[in-house]
Amino acid sequence: MIALLALATAAAATPAVTADCAGGLCNYAVLRPYFDKLADARSGGKPVHILQIGDSHTAGDAITGAWRDALQARYGSAGRGVMPPGKPFQGYNPRGVSVDMSPGWTISSIFGAGSQNPRGALGLSGFSITSNASGARIGLTASANQMFDRFVICAIAEPGAGALVINVAGQSERFELGALIARPECREMEFDQAQGAVSVVTEGGPVTITSWATFRDRGGVALSNVGVVGSQFVHFSRNDDSVVAEELRSYKPDLIVIAFGTNEGFAPRINPQEYEITLRTQIGRIRRLAGRVPILLLGAPDALTRRPELLSNAPTATPAPCVEPVTLPPSGPVTPPPEQPSDSEDISDVLDALGPRSATAQPRSAPAVAEAPRTGWAITARPLFPPAGLKAVREVQRKVAQQLRLGFWDWEARMGGRCTAVSWVKLQPTRM
């Protein structure tokens, strides 16, 4: 988790960033409006809202949660922000709030099991929940740092729809959703004092909720994470323009973070030209719906596999294998991690240089230390390597970010480069 705070460092302070992407952050000037607003937020001015959309890295809230903690520790909390409604998938466990959901809801999504359900209109969160009966409930309880004085819920108004009854600290409000034509609608409630819980109950006919949010309007930062496990950016196109536009109008983000790419890089096959079309199309769509909100594109991180079919899932150079820790005999010395082979090197050359597979690699720098823990470094019989597609995705992301004037954060570089995921996973402290 320590290294995951690299993103927090990049955004929690105004860094000295130049055109060469120092610190991993490129095109810093594009993000200047966001950084200027951060300075005001600390003094109790207008709160800053960051909205991140993405895949499981976003949905899991480990990285966004660490970033949120760092920003709110420095600038103050402006609430938990936007979330998918209820509990949209098994294992959903957002930081800073606890949520509950009664039986009686059907879950739809842009990807995964919920995408098999007849989909109504979907919005930013990539999920919606629908109940056809009265009495279905969702509830939210905030931690002390995420208490709120503004609550927002977005739903679909349509012919024959029922209503939502929203209760906060004994204050009840009825949100009627019956309408002559189907349309998205968001309802906002404001409070004089900070609140810690909200309950939403259905009444009458069918009701569909697309998102909800809690904010605190006294300066500080809110960081929203809305992601769908396993999704790619192309799946974001399955949501509805009118719903996304209404939610953006209600949630008013000051920075939009786009965090897709890993699932594209691990796909059975990726065509860089087709991926570039998707990236440009969806970024253009977000800009059209969001207006002049700065966008930060996260480059795909270093990530590894042993699946041989992913050596050639993109028309790029075959990736070289990664050196990884192996156990040595009791009397063996420990060697420091050698340089990881570059993708420009031929795999056979790499193997020849490092010795037989499963054999300890020879150190390239510091000498061995006697009587140290029994760990060495080698390319194993089934080596780890970054999929070819991951590099292809990252190259397209960097190119598009430069040409479309997006902020770009080089996640792989901030981790330390290719194959560094080995040490992140296998050495202490575990960071991934």
Protein backbone atom coordinates (compact mmCIF):
# COMPACT_ATOMS: atom_id res chain seq x y z
CA MET A 1 0.00 0.00 0.00
CA ILE A 2 2.96 2.34 0.57
CA ALA A 3 3.72 2.40 -3.14
CA LEU A 4 0.08 2.83 -4.05
CA LEU A 5 0.33 6.26 -2.45
CA ALA A 6 2.41 7.35 -5.43
CA LEU A 7 -0.78 8.54 -7.07
CA ALA A 8 -1.72 10.42 -3.94
CA THR A 9 1.65 12.13 -4.00
CA ALA A 10 1.14 13.11 -7.62
CA ALA A 11 -2.16 14.81 -6.87
CA ALA A 12 -2.07 15.84 -3.22
CA ALA A 13 0.52 18.53 -3.85
CA THR A 14 1.50 20.76 -6.72
CA PRO A 15 4.53 18.93 -8.12
CA ALA A 16 7.42 20.32 -10.11
CA VAL A 17 6.50 18.50 -13.32
CA THR A 18 8.10 19.18 -16.66
CA ALA A 19 7.36 18.13 -20.22
CA ASP A 20 9.34 14.91 -19.73
CA CYS A 21 6.73 13.55 -17.29
CA ALA A 22 8.84 13.90 -14.13
CA GLY A 23 7.31 11.92 -11.31
CA GLY A 24 5.19 9.99 -13.79
CA LEU A 25 2.73 12.86 -14.37
CA CYS A 26 2.62 14.17 -17.94
CA ASN A 27 0.86 17.22 -19.41
CA TYR A 28 0.62 18.88 -16.01
CA ALA A 29 -0.60 22.20 -17.48
CA VAL A 30 -3.86 20.50 -18.51
CA LEU A 31 -4.60 19.81 -14.83
CA ARG A 32 -3.76 23.30 -13.58
CA PRO A 33 -7.46 24.24 -12.97
CA TYR A 34 -7.80 21.22 -10.69
CA PHE A 35 -4.67 22.06 -8.69
CA ASP A 36 -5.79 25.68 -8.35
CA LYS A 37 -9.11 24.52 -6.89
CA LEU A 38 -7.27 22.26 -4.43
CA ALA A 39 -5.52 25.29 -2.97
CA ASP A 40 -8.88 26.97 -2.32
CA ALA A 41 -10.41 23.82 -0.83
CA ARG A 42 -7.89 23.72 1.99
CA SER A 43 -9.00 27.12 3.27
CA GLY A 44 -12.63 26.05 3.54
CA GLY A 45 -13.63 27.34 0.10
CA LYS A 46 -15.56 25.43 -2.52
CA PRO A 47 -15.04 21.65 -2.14
CA VAL A 48 -13.24 19.73 -4.88
CA HIS A 49 -14.82 16.64 -6.41
CA ILE A 50 -12.73 13.99 -8.19
CA LEU A 51 -14.65 11.36 -10.17
CA GLN A 52 -12.76 8.19 -11.16
CA ILE A 53 -14.29 5.65 -13.54
CA GLY A 54 -12.64 2.35 -14.35
CA ASP A 55 -12.39 -1.39 -13.82
CA SER A 56 -11.66 -3.47 -10.70
CA HIS A 57 -8.72 -1.24 -9.70
CA THR A 58 -11.34 1.48 -9.24
CA ALA A 59 -14.22 -0.65 -7.97
CA GLY A 60 -12.09 -2.22 -5.23
CA ASP A 61 -11.29 1.22 -3.75
CA ALA A 62 -7.81 0.19 -2.53
CA ILE A 63 -5.98 2.70 -4.70
CA THR A 64 -8.70 5.34 -4.77
CA GLY A 65 -9.16 4.83 -1.03
CA ALA A 66 -5.47 5.51 -0.34
CA TRP A 67 -5.62 8.57 -2.58
CA ARG A 68 -8.81 9.76 -0.83
CA ASP A 69 -7.21 9.33 2.60
CA ALA A 70 -4.13 11.32 1.58
CA LEU A 71 -6.10 14.14 0.00
CA GLN A 72 -8.62 14.43 2.83
CA ALA A 73 -5.87 14.37 5.45
CA ARG A 74 -4.30 17.36 3.73
CA TYR A 75 -7.33 19.32 2.49
CA GLY A 76 -10.26 18.06 4.57
CA SER A 77 -13.18 15.78 3.78
CA ALA A 78 -15.97 16.85 1.42
CA GLY A 79 -17.79 13.54 1.83
CA ARG A 80 -17.66 10.12 0.24
CA GLY A 81 -18.88 11.17 -3.21
CA VAL A 82 -20.67 9.11 -5.86
CA MET A 83 -21.26 5.38 -5.48
CA PRO A 84 -23.19 2.67 -7.30
CA PRO A 85 -26.55 2.20 -5.59
CA GLY A 86 -26.95 -0.43 -2.88
CA LYS A 87 -24.63 -3.45 -3.03
CA PRO A 88 -24.18 -4.00 -6.76
CA PHE A 89 -21.86 -7.02 -6.61
CA GLN A 90 -20.71 -9.69 -4.20
CA GLY A 91 -17.85 -8.46 -2.03
CA TYR A 92 -18.66 -4.78 -2.53
CA ASN A 93 -17.04 -3.05 0.44
CA PRO A 94 -16.56 0.70 -0.03
CA ARG A 95 -14.22 2.58 2.29
CA GLY A 96 -15.63 5.19 4.61
CA VAL A 97 -19.24 4.00 4.49
CA SER A 98 -21.18 0.80 5.07
CA VAL A 99 -24.14 -0.05 2.86
CA ASP A 100 -27.00 -2.50 3.14
CA MET A 101 -29.63 -3.68 0.68
CA SER A 102 -32.80 -5.70 1.29
CA PRO A 103 -33.97 -8.54 -0.96
CA GLY A 104 -36.20 -7.59 -3.88
CA TRP A 105 -33.74 -5.81 -6.16
CA THR A 106 -32.56 -6.78 -9.65
CA ILE A 107 -29.06 -5.61 -10.55
CA SER A 108 -28.07 -4.54 -14.07
CA SER A 109 -24.60 -3.51 -15.23
CA ILE A 110 -22.55 -2.62 -18.30
CA PHE A 111 -20.46 -5.81 -17.92
CA GLY A 112 -20.56 -9.14 -16.13
CA ALA A 113 -23.50 -11.08 -14.72
CA GLY A 114 -25.71 -8.02 -14.46
CA SER A 115 -25.32 -7.30 -18.16
CA GLN A 116 -27.42 -10.41 -18.86
CA ASN A 117 -30.43 -8.83 -17.19
CA PRO A 118 -32.75 -6.72 -19.34
CA ARG A 119 -30.90 -3.42 -19.02
CA GLY A 120 -32.66 -0.17 -18.38
CA ALA A 121 -30.75 3.07 -18.68
CA LEU A 122 -27.36 2.98 -16.93
CA GLY A 123 -25.21 5.90 -15.83
CA LEU A 124 -21.74 6.73 -14.54
CA SER A 125 -21.58 3.93 -11.98
CA GLY A 126 -22.13 1.22 -14.60
CA PHE A 127 -24.83 -0.31 -12.40
CA SER A 128 -28.52 0.15 -11.71
CA ILE A 129 -30.86 -1.56 -9.28
CA THR A 130 -34.58 -2.08 -9.92
CA SER A 131 -37.42 -3.09 -7.61
CA ASN A 132 -40.97 -3.86 -8.71
CA ALA A 133 -42.49 -3.90 -5.24
CA SER A 134 -42.98 -1.59 -2.29
CA GLY A 135 -40.74 -1.88 0.72
CA ALA A 136 -37.40 -2.65 -0.95
CA ARG A 137 -34.67 -0.73 0.88
CA ILE A 138 -31.10 0.46 0.57
CA GLY A 139 -29.23 2.20 3.36
CA LEU A 140 -25.91 3.92 3.95
CA THR A 141 -24.02 4.70 7.17
CA ALA A 142 -21.01 7.02 7.01
CA SER A 143 -17.89 6.98 9.15
CA ALA A 144 -17.08 10.10 11.18
CA ASN A 145 -14.79 11.46 8.46
CA GLN A 146 -17.39 10.90 5.72
CA MET A 147 -20.43 12.51 7.32
CA PHE A 148 -22.44 14.63 4.90
CA ASP A 149 -24.68 17.66 4.63
CA ARG A 150 -25.87 16.97 1.08
CA PHE A 151 -27.38 13.77 -0.27
CA VAL A 152 -28.04 13.11 -3.97
CA ILE A 153 -29.83 10.15 -5.56
CA CYS A 154 -30.35 9.59 -9.30
CA ALA A 155 -33.12 7.41 -10.73
CA ILE A 156 -35.24 6.86 -13.84
CA ALA A 157 -38.56 8.69 -14.08
CA GLU A 158 -40.94 6.84 -16.43
CA PRO A 159 -44.60 5.99 -17.00
CA GLY A 160 -46.00 3.78 -14.24
CA ALA A 161 -42.98 4.19 -11.96
CA GLY A 162 -43.35 4.33 -8.20
CA ALA A 163 -41.60 6.55 -5.70
CA LEU A 164 -38.66 6.61 -3.33
CA VAL A 165 -39.02 7.65 0.28
CA ILE A 166 -35.75 9.13 1.55
CA ASN A 167 -35.19 9.40 5.29
CA VAL A 168 -32.29 11.22 6.96
CA ALA A 169 -32.33 11.85 10.73
CA GLY A 170 -36.12 11.81 10.82
CA GLN A 171 -36.44 14.16 7.85
CA SER A 172 -38.40 12.38 5.14
CA GLU A 173 -38.77 13.33 1.48
CA ARG A 174 -40.78 11.60 -1.24
CA PHE A 175 -39.20 11.33 -4.70
CA GLU A 176 -41.98 10.70 -7.25
CA LEU A 177 -40.76 8.92 -10.38
CA GLY A 178 -43.95 8.62 -12.42
CA ALA A 179 -43.61 10.60 -15.67
CA LEU A 180 -45.11 10.88 -19.16
CA ILE A 181 -41.81 9.95 -20.82
CA ALA A 182 -38.74 8.12 -19.56
CA ARG A 183 -35.96 10.40 -18.39
CA PRO A 184 -33.19 10.47 -15.76
CA GLU A 185 -33.75 12.61 -12.70
CA CYS A 186 -31.61 13.39 -9.66
CA ARG A 187 -32.94 14.59 -6.31
CA GLU A 188 -30.86 16.53 -3.78
CA MET A 189 -31.40 17.03 -0.05
CA GLU A 190 -29.39 19.53 2.03
CA PHE A 191 -29.01 19.67 5.82
CA ASP A 192 -27.91 22.29 8.33
CA GLN A 193 -25.90 19.73 10.32
CA ALA A 194 -23.62 16.89 9.24
CA GLN A 195 -25.48 13.59 8.94
CA GLY A 196 -24.30 10.00 9.30
CA ALA A 197 -26.97 7.80 7.73
CA VAL A 198 -29.62 7.67 5.01
CA SER A 199 -32.37 5.17 4.21
CA VAL A 200 -34.17 4.86 0.85
CA VAL A 201 -37.35 2.75 0.53
CA THR A 202 -39.44 2.02 -2.57
CA GLU A 203 -43.14 2.71 -2.72
CA GLY A 204 -45.54 1.63 -5.46
CA GLY A 205 -44.57 0.44 -8.93
CA PRO A 206 -41.16 -0.24 -10.48
CA VAL A 207 -38.26 1.96 -9.42
CA THR A 208 -34.76 2.06 -10.96
CA ILE A 209 -31.83 3.80 -9.19
CA THR A 210 -28.61 4.50 -11.10
CA SER A 211 -26.38 6.10 -8.42
CA TRP A 212 -26.30 7.95 -5.11
CA ALA A 213 -23.82 10.24 -3.39
CA THR A 214 -22.98 12.00 -0.13
CA PHE A 215 -21.11 15.32 0.04
CA ARG A 216 -20.03 17.86 2.62
CA ASP A 217 -19.98 21.40 1.29
CA ARG A 218 -17.45 23.04 3.61
CA GLY A 219 -14.24 22.81 1.64
CA GLY A 220 -12.14 19.67 1.37
CA VAL A 221 -12.08 16.89 -1.22
CA ALA A 222 -14.53 14.16 -2.24
CA LEU A 223 -13.14 11.32 -4.34
CA SER A 224 -15.73 9.14 -6.08
CA ASN A 225 -14.79 5.69 -7.37
CA VAL A 226 -17.22 4.03 -9.78
CA GLY A 227 -15.87 0.91 -11.45
CA VAL A 228 -17.06 -2.42 -12.84
CA VAL A 229 -14.94 -5.52 -12.22
CA GLY A 230 -13.57 -7.04 -15.42
CA SER A 231 -14.71 -4.19 -17.65
CA GLN A 232 -12.93 -2.42 -20.48
CA PHE A 233 -13.40 1.16 -21.63
CA VAL A 234 -15.51 -0.05 -24.56
CA HIS A 235 -18.11 -1.28 -22.05
CA PHE A 236 -18.52 2.27 -20.74
CA SER A 237 -20.27 2.98 -24.05
CA ARG A 238 -23.18 0.80 -22.85
CA ASN A 239 -24.42 3.46 -20.46
CA ASP A 240 -26.90 6.09 -21.55
CA ASP A 241 -25.93 9.61 -22.63
CA SER A 242 -28.92 11.23 -20.98
CA VAL A 243 -28.27 9.50 -17.64
CA VAL A 244 -24.55 10.32 -17.68
CA ALA A 245 -25.29 13.94 -18.56
CA GLU A 246 -27.85 14.34 -15.75
CA GLU A 247 -25.49 12.75 -13.21
CA LEU A 248 -22.57 14.94 -14.29
CA ARG A 249 -24.81 18.01 -13.96
CA SER A 250 -25.76 16.95 -10.43
CA TYR A 251 -22.36 15.74 -9.22
CA LYS A 252 -20.23 18.52 -10.82
CA PRO A 253 -16.77 16.89 -10.89
CA ASP A 254 -13.68 19.11 -10.96
CA LEU A 255 -11.46 16.31 -12.29
CA ILE A 256 -12.41 13.14 -14.17
CA VAL A 257 -9.97 10.22 -13.90
CA ILE A 258 -10.16 7.41 -16.47
CA ALA A 259 -8.63 4.18 -15.18
CA PHE A 260 -9.10 1.40 -17.73
CA GLY A 261 -6.47 -0.61 -19.61
CA THR A 262 -5.48 -3.70 -17.62
CA ASN A 263 -8.31 -5.88 -18.91
CA GLU A 264 -7.66 -4.70 -22.45
CA GLY A 265 -4.00 -5.67 -22.06
CA PHE A 266 -4.92 -9.16 -20.82
CA ALA A 267 -7.52 -9.79 -23.55
CA PRO A 268 -6.92 -12.78 -25.88
CA ARG A 269 -6.15 -10.31 -28.64
CA ILE A 270 -5.95 -6.53 -28.85
CA ASN A 271 -5.82 -4.47 -32.00
CA PRO A 272 -4.08 -1.17 -31.16
CA GLN A 273 -5.91 0.71 -33.93
CA GLU A 274 -9.33 -0.44 -32.71
CA TYR A 275 -8.41 0.34 -29.11
CA GLU A 276 -7.31 3.84 -30.11
CA ILE A 277 -10.68 4.42 -31.79
CA THR A 278 -12.47 3.32 -28.60
CA LEU A 279 -10.27 5.52 -26.42
CA ARG A 280 -10.76 8.60 -28.58
CA THR A 281 -14.50 8.01 -28.99
CA GLN A 282 -15.25 7.58 -25.28
CA ILE A 283 -13.02 10.49 -24.22
CA GLY A 284 -14.75 12.68 -26.81
CA ARG A 285 -18.12 11.54 -25.48
CA ILE A 286 -17.17 12.33 -21.87
CA ARG A 287 -15.94 15.77 -22.91
CA ARG A 288 -19.16 16.44 -24.78
CA LEU A 289 -21.25 15.50 -21.73
CA ALA A 290 -19.01 16.97 -19.01
CA GLY A 291 -17.89 20.21 -20.62
CA ARG A 292 -14.53 21.76 -19.74
CA VAL A 293 -13.63 19.41 -16.90
CA PRO A 294 -9.93 18.37 -16.88
CA ILE A 295 -9.33 14.67 -17.56
CA LEU A 296 -6.51 12.55 -16.14
CA LEU A 297 -5.81 9.28 -17.97
CA LEU A 298 -4.08 6.57 -15.92
CA GLY A 299 -1.66 4.44 -17.93
CA ALA A 300 -1.93 0.69 -17.45
CA PRO A 301 0.22 -0.56 -14.53
CA ASP A 302 2.90 -3.21 -14.61
CA ALA A 303 1.12 -6.56 -14.33
CA LEU A 304 2.33 -10.08 -15.07
CA THR A 305 1.11 -13.50 -16.19
CA ARG A 306 2.39 -17.02 -16.90
CA ARG A 307 -0.13 -17.70 -19.68
CA PRO A 308 1.93 -18.34 -22.84
CA GLU A 309 -0.86 -17.25 -25.20
CA LEU A 310 -0.48 -13.69 -23.90
CA LEU A 311 3.09 -13.51 -25.20
CA SER A 312 1.60 -12.59 -28.57
CA ASN A 313 -1.81 -11.04 -27.87
CA ALA A 314 -0.75 -7.83 -29.63
CA PRO A 315 1.37 -7.03 -32.72
CA THR A 316 4.35 -5.84 -30.68
CA ALA A 317 7.70 -7.30 -29.68
CA THR A 318 7.47 -10.54 -27.71
CA PRO A 319 7.93 -9.60 -24.06
CA ALA A 320 11.02 -10.88 -22.27
CA PRO A 321 10.49 -13.02 -19.14
CA CYS A 322 10.87 -11.57 -15.66
CA VAL A 323 13.44 -12.62 -13.11
CA GLU A 324 11.73 -13.64 -9.86
CA PRO A 325 12.73 -14.80 -6.36
CA VAL A 326 13.49 -18.52 -5.89
CA THR A 327 14.44 -20.58 -2.83
CA LEU A 328 18.10 -21.59 -2.54
CA PRO A 329 19.70 -24.51 -0.65
CA PRO A 330 20.31 -23.87 3.09
CA SER A 331 23.91 -22.77 2.60
CA GLY A 332 23.26 -20.58 -0.40
CA PRO A 333 23.83 -16.82 -0.28
CA VAL A 334 21.23 -14.26 -1.24
CA THR A 335 21.78 -12.17 -4.34
CA PRO A 336 20.27 -8.76 -5.02
CA PRO A 337 17.63 -8.51 -7.77
CA PRO A 338 19.38 -8.39 -11.16
CA GLU A 339 18.32 -6.04 -13.91
CA GLN A 340 15.11 -7.16 -15.53
CA PRO A 341 15.51 -8.04 -19.22
CA SER A 342 14.18 -5.53 -21.70
CA ASP A 343 11.51 -6.40 -24.24
CA SER A 344 14.01 -5.43 -26.91
CA GLU A 345 16.17 -8.41 -25.96
CA ASP A 346 15.54 -11.79 -27.54
CA ILE A 347 14.15 -14.27 -25.02
CA SER A 348 16.74 -16.91 -25.89
CA ASP A 349 19.49 -14.35 -25.32
CA VAL A 350 18.00 -13.49 -21.95
CA LEU A 351 17.81 -17.14 -20.94
CA ASP A 352 21.37 -17.76 -22.05
CA ALA A 353 22.60 -14.76 -20.14
CA LEU A 354 20.85 -15.73 -16.93
CA GLY A 355 21.58 -19.45 -17.04
CA PRO A 356 19.32 -22.54 -17.22
CA ARG A 357 15.70 -22.10 -16.24
CA SER A 358 15.09 -22.63 -12.53
CA ALA A 359 18.79 -21.98 -11.87
CA THR A 360 19.90 -19.08 -9.73
CA ALA A 361 20.71 -16.00 -11.76
CA GLN A 362 24.16 -14.50 -11.33
CA PRO A 363 24.25 -11.07 -9.69
CA ARG A 364 24.95 -8.13 -11.94
CA SER A 365 25.83 -5.57 -9.33
CA ALA A 366 26.50 -5.99 -5.60
CA PRO A 367 28.38 -9.12 -4.44
CA ALA A 368 26.66 -11.97 -2.65
CA VAL A 369 26.30 -11.75 1.12
CA ALA A 370 27.12 -14.91 3.09
CA GLU A 371 24.68 -16.51 5.52
CA ALA A 372 21.75 -14.43 4.35
CA PRO A 373 18.13 -15.62 3.88
CA ARG A 374 17.76 -18.37 1.30
CA THR A 375 16.52 -16.34 -1.64
CA GLY A 376 17.96 -15.96 -5.13
CA TRP A 377 16.70 -14.64 -8.45
CA ALA A 378 15.99 -16.64 -11.62
CA ILE A 379 13.83 -17.11 -14.67
CA THR A 380 11.70 -20.12 -13.78
CA ALA A 381 10.45 -22.96 -15.95
CA ARG A 382 7.12 -21.11 -16.33
CA PRO A 383 8.30 -17.52 -16.30
CA LEU A 384 6.28 -14.45 -15.48
CA PHE A 385 6.07 -11.72 -18.13
CA PRO A 386 3.94 -8.65 -18.91
CA PRO A 387 1.44 -9.45 -21.69
CA ALA A 388 2.33 -7.99 -25.06
CA GLY A 389 -1.09 -6.31 -25.10
CA LEU A 390 -0.37 -4.33 -21.96
CA LYS A 391 2.51 -2.50 -23.60
CA ALA A 392 0.40 -1.86 -26.70
CA VAL A 393 -2.39 -0.37 -24.57
CA ARG A 394 0.03 1.86 -22.68
CA GLU A 395 1.60 3.20 -25.89
CA VAL A 396 -1.83 4.11 -27.30
CA GLN A 397 -2.84 5.76 -24.02
CA ARG A 398 0.28 7.93 -23.96
CA LYS A 399 -0.17 8.96 -27.60
CA VAL A 400 -3.87 9.83 -27.20
CA ALA A 401 -3.26 11.74 -23.96
CA GLN A 402 -0.66 13.90 -25.68
CA GLN A 403 -2.75 14.56 -28.77
CA LEU A 404 -6.05 15.21 -26.95
CA ARG A 405 -4.43 17.24 -24.16
CA LEU A 406 -5.21 14.96 -21.25
CA GLY A 407 -3.23 14.61 -18.08
CA PHE A 408 -1.39 11.28 -18.16
CA TRP A 409 -0.08 9.38 -15.15
CA ASP A 410 2.52 6.71 -16.02
CA TRP A 411 1.53 4.04 -13.51
CA GLU A 412 4.12 1.50 -14.72
CA ALA A 413 6.94 4.03 -14.44
CA ARG A 414 5.88 5.03 -10.90
CA MET A 415 5.99 1.36 -9.90
CA GLY A 416 9.58 1.23 -11.11
CA GLY A 417 9.19 -0.12 -14.65
CA ARG A 418 8.50 -3.49 -16.23
CA CYS A 419 8.57 -6.61 -14.05
CA THR A 420 8.52 -4.63 -10.80
CA ALA A 421 5.21 -6.29 -9.96
CA VAL A 422 7.33 -9.34 -9.01
CA SER A 423 8.87 -7.59 -6.03
CA TRP A 424 5.61 -5.79 -5.21
CA VAL A 425 3.89 -9.17 -4.78
CA LYS A 426 6.65 -11.44 -3.51
CA LEU A 427 8.85 -9.29 -1.27
CA GLN A 428 8.09 -7.62 2.05
CA PRO A 429 6.32 -5.34 2.50
CA THR A 430 3.69 -6.70 0.13
CA ARG A 431 2.32 -3.79 -1.87
CA MET A 432 0.19 -5.47 -4.51
